[in-house]
Amino acid sequence: MFSIEVKTAFFIKVANIVAIEGKPNGDLKGKVLHDETDNSKSYNVKGVALVNGREYISPIESITLQLEPGDYSAEDLIGKRLVSYD
């Protein structure tokens, strides 16, 4: 299982993606994230944009993911925990 606590989120119009940044837990293997409190809300992952803080044995401190835009605003994701059950 993978989860991310979203700290920042914004829409990048020229790339047509929503970028989210936050603290991850686990390894991202799936292509869909779900809102932990409302499983009916899902977000398709387009890719990993940036990973920060990897040291020899330290866990990842921050990750930026690219999501497909949908019927939500990027700002609504801030403060949410998104999970992947894959």
N, C-alpha and C. Protein backbone atom coordinates (compact mmCIF):
# COMPACT_ATOMS: atom_id res chain seq x y z
N MET A 1 0.85 -1.18 0.00
CA MET A 1 0.00 0.00 0.00
C MET A 1 0.89 1.24 0.00
N PHE A 2 0.41 2.28 -0.63
CA PHE A 2 1.11 3.56 -0.72
C PHE A 2 0.16 4.65 -0.27
N SER A 3 0.69 5.65 0.42
CA SER A 3 -0.10 6.84 0.75
C SER A 3 0.78 8.07 0.66
N ILE A 4 0.12 9.20 0.44
CA ILE A 4 0.83 10.48 0.41
C ILE A 4 -0.04 11.51 1.12
N GLU A 5 0.58 12.25 2.02
CA GLU A 5 -0.08 13.38 2.68
C GLU A 5 0.21 14.60 1.83
N VAL A 6 -0.81 15.13 1.17
CA VAL A 6 -0.63 16.23 0.22
C VAL A 6 -0.39 17.54 0.97
N LYS A 7 0.78 18.15 0.70
CA LYS A 7 1.12 19.44 1.31
C LYS A 7 0.87 20.59 0.36
N THR A 8 1.18 20.38 -0.92
CA THR A 8 0.91 21.41 -1.93
C THR A 8 0.33 20.74 -3.17
N ALA A 9 -0.46 21.49 -3.89
CA ALA A 9 -1.06 20.99 -5.14
C ALA A 9 -1.36 22.17 -6.05
N PHE A 10 -1.09 22.00 -7.33
CA PHE A 10 -1.37 23.08 -8.27
C PHE A 10 -1.54 22.51 -9.67
N PHE A 11 -2.29 23.22 -10.51
CA PHE A 11 -2.54 22.83 -11.88
C PHE A 11 -1.50 23.49 -12.78
N ILE A 12 -0.88 22.72 -13.66
CA ILE A 12 0.08 23.24 -14.63
C ILE A 12 -0.61 23.18 -16.00
N LYS A 13 -1.10 24.32 -16.43
CA LYS A 13 -1.93 24.39 -17.63
C LYS A 13 -1.20 23.93 -18.88
N VAL A 14 0.04 24.37 -19.09
CA VAL A 14 0.76 24.03 -20.33
C VAL A 14 1.04 22.53 -20.43
N ALA A 15 1.15 21.85 -19.30
CA ALA A 15 1.40 20.41 -19.30
C ALA A 15 0.12 19.61 -19.10
N ASN A 16 -0.97 20.31 -18.76
CA ASN A 16 -2.27 19.68 -18.49
C ASN A 16 -2.17 18.59 -17.42
N ILE A 17 -1.53 18.97 -16.30
CA ILE A 17 -1.41 18.04 -15.18
C ILE A 17 -1.68 18.77 -13.87
N VAL A 18 -2.03 18.00 -12.87
CA VAL A 18 -2.09 18.50 -11.50
C VAL A 18 -0.87 17.93 -10.80
N ALA A 19 -0.05 18.78 -10.22
CA ALA A 19 1.12 18.34 -9.48
C ALA A 19 0.80 18.39 -7.99
N ILE A 20 1.10 17.30 -7.29
CA ILE A 20 0.93 17.27 -5.84
C ILE A 20 2.27 16.93 -5.21
N GLU A 21 2.54 17.50 -4.05
CA GLU A 21 3.78 17.25 -3.34
C GLU A 21 3.43 16.90 -1.91
N GLY A 22 4.14 15.94 -1.36
CA GLY A 22 3.89 15.59 0.03
C GLY A 22 4.77 14.47 0.51
N LYS A 23 4.51 14.05 1.74
CA LYS A 23 5.29 12.99 2.37
C LYS A 23 4.68 11.64 2.03
N PRO A 24 5.46 10.78 1.37
CA PRO A 24 4.95 9.46 1.00
C PRO A 24 5.18 8.42 2.10
N ASN A 25 4.40 7.37 2.02
CA ASN A 25 4.56 6.22 2.90
C ASN A 25 4.36 4.98 2.04
N GLY A 26 5.39 4.15 1.88
CA GLY A 26 5.30 2.96 1.05
C GLY A 26 5.80 3.22 -0.35
N ASP A 27 5.65 2.20 -1.20
CA ASP A 27 6.10 2.28 -2.60
C ASP A 27 4.90 2.39 -3.52
N LEU A 28 4.94 3.38 -4.40
CA LEU A 28 3.86 3.57 -5.36
C LEU A 28 3.99 2.54 -6.48
N LYS A 29 3.02 1.65 -6.59
CA LYS A 29 3.03 0.63 -7.63
C LYS A 29 1.84 0.76 -8.56
N GLY A 30 0.74 1.31 -8.07
CA GLY A 30 -0.47 1.44 -8.87
C GLY A 30 -0.51 2.74 -9.64
N LYS A 31 -1.55 2.90 -10.42
CA LYS A 31 -1.74 4.10 -11.24
C LYS A 31 -2.94 4.92 -10.79
N VAL A 32 -3.58 4.53 -9.68
CA VAL A 32 -4.75 5.24 -9.19
C VAL A 32 -4.60 5.49 -7.70
N LEU A 33 -4.86 6.74 -7.30
CA LEU A 33 -4.89 7.11 -5.89
C LEU A 33 -6.33 7.39 -5.50
N HIS A 34 -6.68 7.06 -4.26
CA HIS A 34 -8.03 7.30 -3.75
C HIS A 34 -7.95 8.19 -2.53
N ASP A 35 -8.97 9.02 -2.35
CA ASP A 35 -9.11 9.81 -1.14
C ASP A 35 -9.35 8.84 0.01
N GLU A 36 -8.53 8.93 1.06
CA GLU A 36 -8.63 7.99 2.17
C GLU A 36 -9.99 8.05 2.87
N THR A 37 -10.62 9.22 2.88
CA THR A 37 -11.90 9.36 3.58
C THR A 37 -13.11 9.20 2.66
N ASP A 38 -12.90 9.20 1.33
CA ASP A 38 -13.99 9.04 0.38
C ASP A 38 -13.48 8.22 -0.80
N ASN A 39 -13.61 6.91 -0.72
CA ASN A 39 -13.05 6.00 -1.72
C ASN A 39 -13.66 6.19 -3.11
N SER A 40 -14.78 6.91 -3.20
CA SER A 40 -15.39 7.14 -4.52
C SER A 40 -14.61 8.19 -5.32
N LYS A 41 -13.74 8.95 -4.67
CA LYS A 41 -12.92 9.94 -5.35
C LYS A 41 -11.58 9.31 -5.71
N SER A 42 -11.27 9.26 -7.01
CA SER A 42 -10.02 8.67 -7.45
C SER A 42 -9.27 9.63 -8.37
N TYR A 43 -7.97 9.46 -8.41
CA TYR A 43 -7.08 10.34 -9.15
C TYR A 43 -6.08 9.48 -9.91
N ASN A 44 -6.00 9.65 -11.23
CA ASN A 44 -5.09 8.86 -12.06
C ASN A 44 -3.69 9.47 -12.03
N VAL A 45 -2.71 8.64 -11.73
CA VAL A 45 -1.31 9.08 -11.67
C VAL A 45 -0.71 9.02 -13.06
N LYS A 46 -0.14 10.15 -13.51
CA LYS A 46 0.54 10.19 -14.80
C LYS A 46 2.01 9.86 -14.65
N GLY A 47 2.58 10.14 -13.48
CA GLY A 47 4.00 9.83 -13.28
C GLY A 47 4.55 10.51 -12.05
N VAL A 48 5.78 10.17 -11.76
CA VAL A 48 6.52 10.78 -10.66
C VAL A 48 7.38 11.88 -11.25
N ALA A 49 7.26 13.09 -10.71
CA ALA A 49 8.00 14.22 -11.26
C ALA A 49 9.33 14.42 -10.57
N LEU A 50 9.37 14.27 -9.24
CA LEU A 50 10.57 14.64 -8.50
C LEU A 50 10.59 13.92 -7.16
N VAL A 51 11.74 13.44 -6.78
CA VAL A 51 11.90 12.82 -5.47
C VAL A 51 13.04 13.54 -4.77
N ASN A 52 12.82 13.95 -3.52
CA ASN A 52 13.84 14.64 -2.73
C ASN A 52 14.18 13.85 -1.49
N GLY A 53 15.37 14.07 -0.97
CA GLY A 53 15.71 13.58 0.36
C GLY A 53 16.18 12.15 0.45
N ARG A 54 16.46 11.46 -0.65
CA ARG A 54 16.93 10.08 -0.55
C ARG A 54 18.41 10.10 -0.17
N GLU A 55 18.72 9.40 0.91
CA GLU A 55 20.10 9.23 1.33
C GLU A 55 20.39 7.75 1.33
N TYR A 56 21.50 7.35 1.93
CA TYR A 56 21.89 5.95 1.87
C TYR A 56 20.81 5.01 2.39
N ILE A 57 20.29 5.25 3.59
CA ILE A 57 19.27 4.36 4.13
C ILE A 57 18.05 5.12 4.63
N SER A 58 18.00 6.42 4.36
CA SER A 58 16.88 7.23 4.82
C SER A 58 15.66 7.02 3.92
N PRO A 59 14.46 7.10 4.48
CA PRO A 59 13.27 7.02 3.63
C PRO A 59 13.11 8.30 2.82
N ILE A 60 12.29 8.22 1.82
CA ILE A 60 12.00 9.41 1.00
C ILE A 60 11.26 10.42 1.86
N GLU A 61 11.69 11.66 1.82
CA GLU A 61 11.06 12.71 2.61
C GLU A 61 9.96 13.43 1.86
N SER A 62 10.11 13.52 0.55
CA SER A 62 9.14 14.27 -0.24
C SER A 62 9.10 13.71 -1.65
N ILE A 63 7.93 13.72 -2.24
CA ILE A 63 7.75 13.24 -3.61
C ILE A 63 6.74 14.14 -4.30
N THR A 64 6.94 14.37 -5.58
CA THR A 64 5.98 15.13 -6.38
C THR A 64 5.42 14.20 -7.44
N LEU A 65 4.10 14.09 -7.48
CA LEU A 65 3.42 13.24 -8.45
C LEU A 65 2.63 14.07 -9.44
N GLN A 66 2.49 13.57 -10.64
CA GLN A 66 1.68 14.20 -11.67
C GLN A 66 0.37 13.43 -11.77
N LEU A 67 -0.74 14.13 -11.66
CA LEU A 67 -2.06 13.53 -11.78
C LEU A 67 -2.77 14.05 -13.01
N GLU A 68 -3.64 13.24 -13.57
CA GLU A 68 -4.49 13.70 -14.67
C GLU A 68 -5.52 14.66 -14.10
N PRO A 69 -5.81 15.76 -14.78
CA PRO A 69 -6.85 16.66 -14.30
C PRO A 69 -8.21 15.95 -14.34
N GLY A 70 -9.11 16.42 -13.52
CA GLY A 70 -10.45 15.83 -13.48
C GLY A 70 -11.46 16.84 -12.99
N ASP A 71 -12.54 16.36 -12.43
CA ASP A 71 -13.59 17.26 -11.94
C ASP A 71 -13.31 17.66 -10.49
N TYR A 72 -12.11 18.15 -10.25
CA TYR A 72 -11.69 18.62 -8.93
C TYR A 72 -10.69 19.75 -9.14
N SER A 73 -10.50 20.57 -8.12
CA SER A 73 -9.48 21.61 -8.21
C SER A 73 -8.27 21.14 -7.40
N ALA A 74 -7.12 21.54 -7.84
CA ALA A 74 -5.88 21.13 -7.18
C ALA A 74 -5.88 21.52 -5.71
N GLU A 75 -6.40 22.69 -5.41
CA GLU A 75 -6.40 23.19 -4.03
C GLU A 75 -7.22 22.31 -3.10
N ASP A 76 -8.21 21.60 -3.63
CA ASP A 76 -9.03 20.71 -2.81
C ASP A 76 -8.25 19.52 -2.29
N LEU A 77 -7.12 19.22 -2.89
CA LEU A 77 -6.32 18.06 -2.48
C LEU A 77 -5.41 18.36 -1.29
N ILE A 78 -5.14 19.63 -1.05
CA ILE A 78 -4.22 20.01 0.03
C ILE A 78 -4.80 19.56 1.37
N GLY A 79 -3.96 18.85 2.13
CA GLY A 79 -4.36 18.35 3.44
C GLY A 79 -4.96 16.96 3.41
N LYS A 80 -5.22 16.43 2.23
CA LYS A 80 -5.80 15.08 2.13
C LYS A 80 -4.70 14.03 2.13
N ARG A 81 -5.08 12.81 2.51
CA ARG A 81 -4.21 11.66 2.36
C ARG A 81 -4.78 10.82 1.23
N LEU A 82 -3.96 10.63 0.18
CA LEU A 82 -4.36 9.83 -0.95
C LEU A 82 -3.66 8.48 -0.85
N VAL A 83 -4.38 7.41 -1.16
CA VAL A 83 -3.83 6.07 -1.00
C VAL A 83 -3.98 5.25 -2.27
N SER A 84 -3.07 4.31 -2.46
CA SER A 84 -3.14 3.32 -3.52
C SER A 84 -3.10 1.96 -2.85
N TYR A 85 -4.05 1.12 -3.17
CA TYR A 85 -4.14 -0.19 -2.54
C TYR A 85 -3.39 -1.26 -3.32
N ASP A 86 -2.74 -0.89 -4.44
CA ASP A 86 -1.99 -1.86 -5.26
C ASP A 86 -0.66 -2.18 -4.61
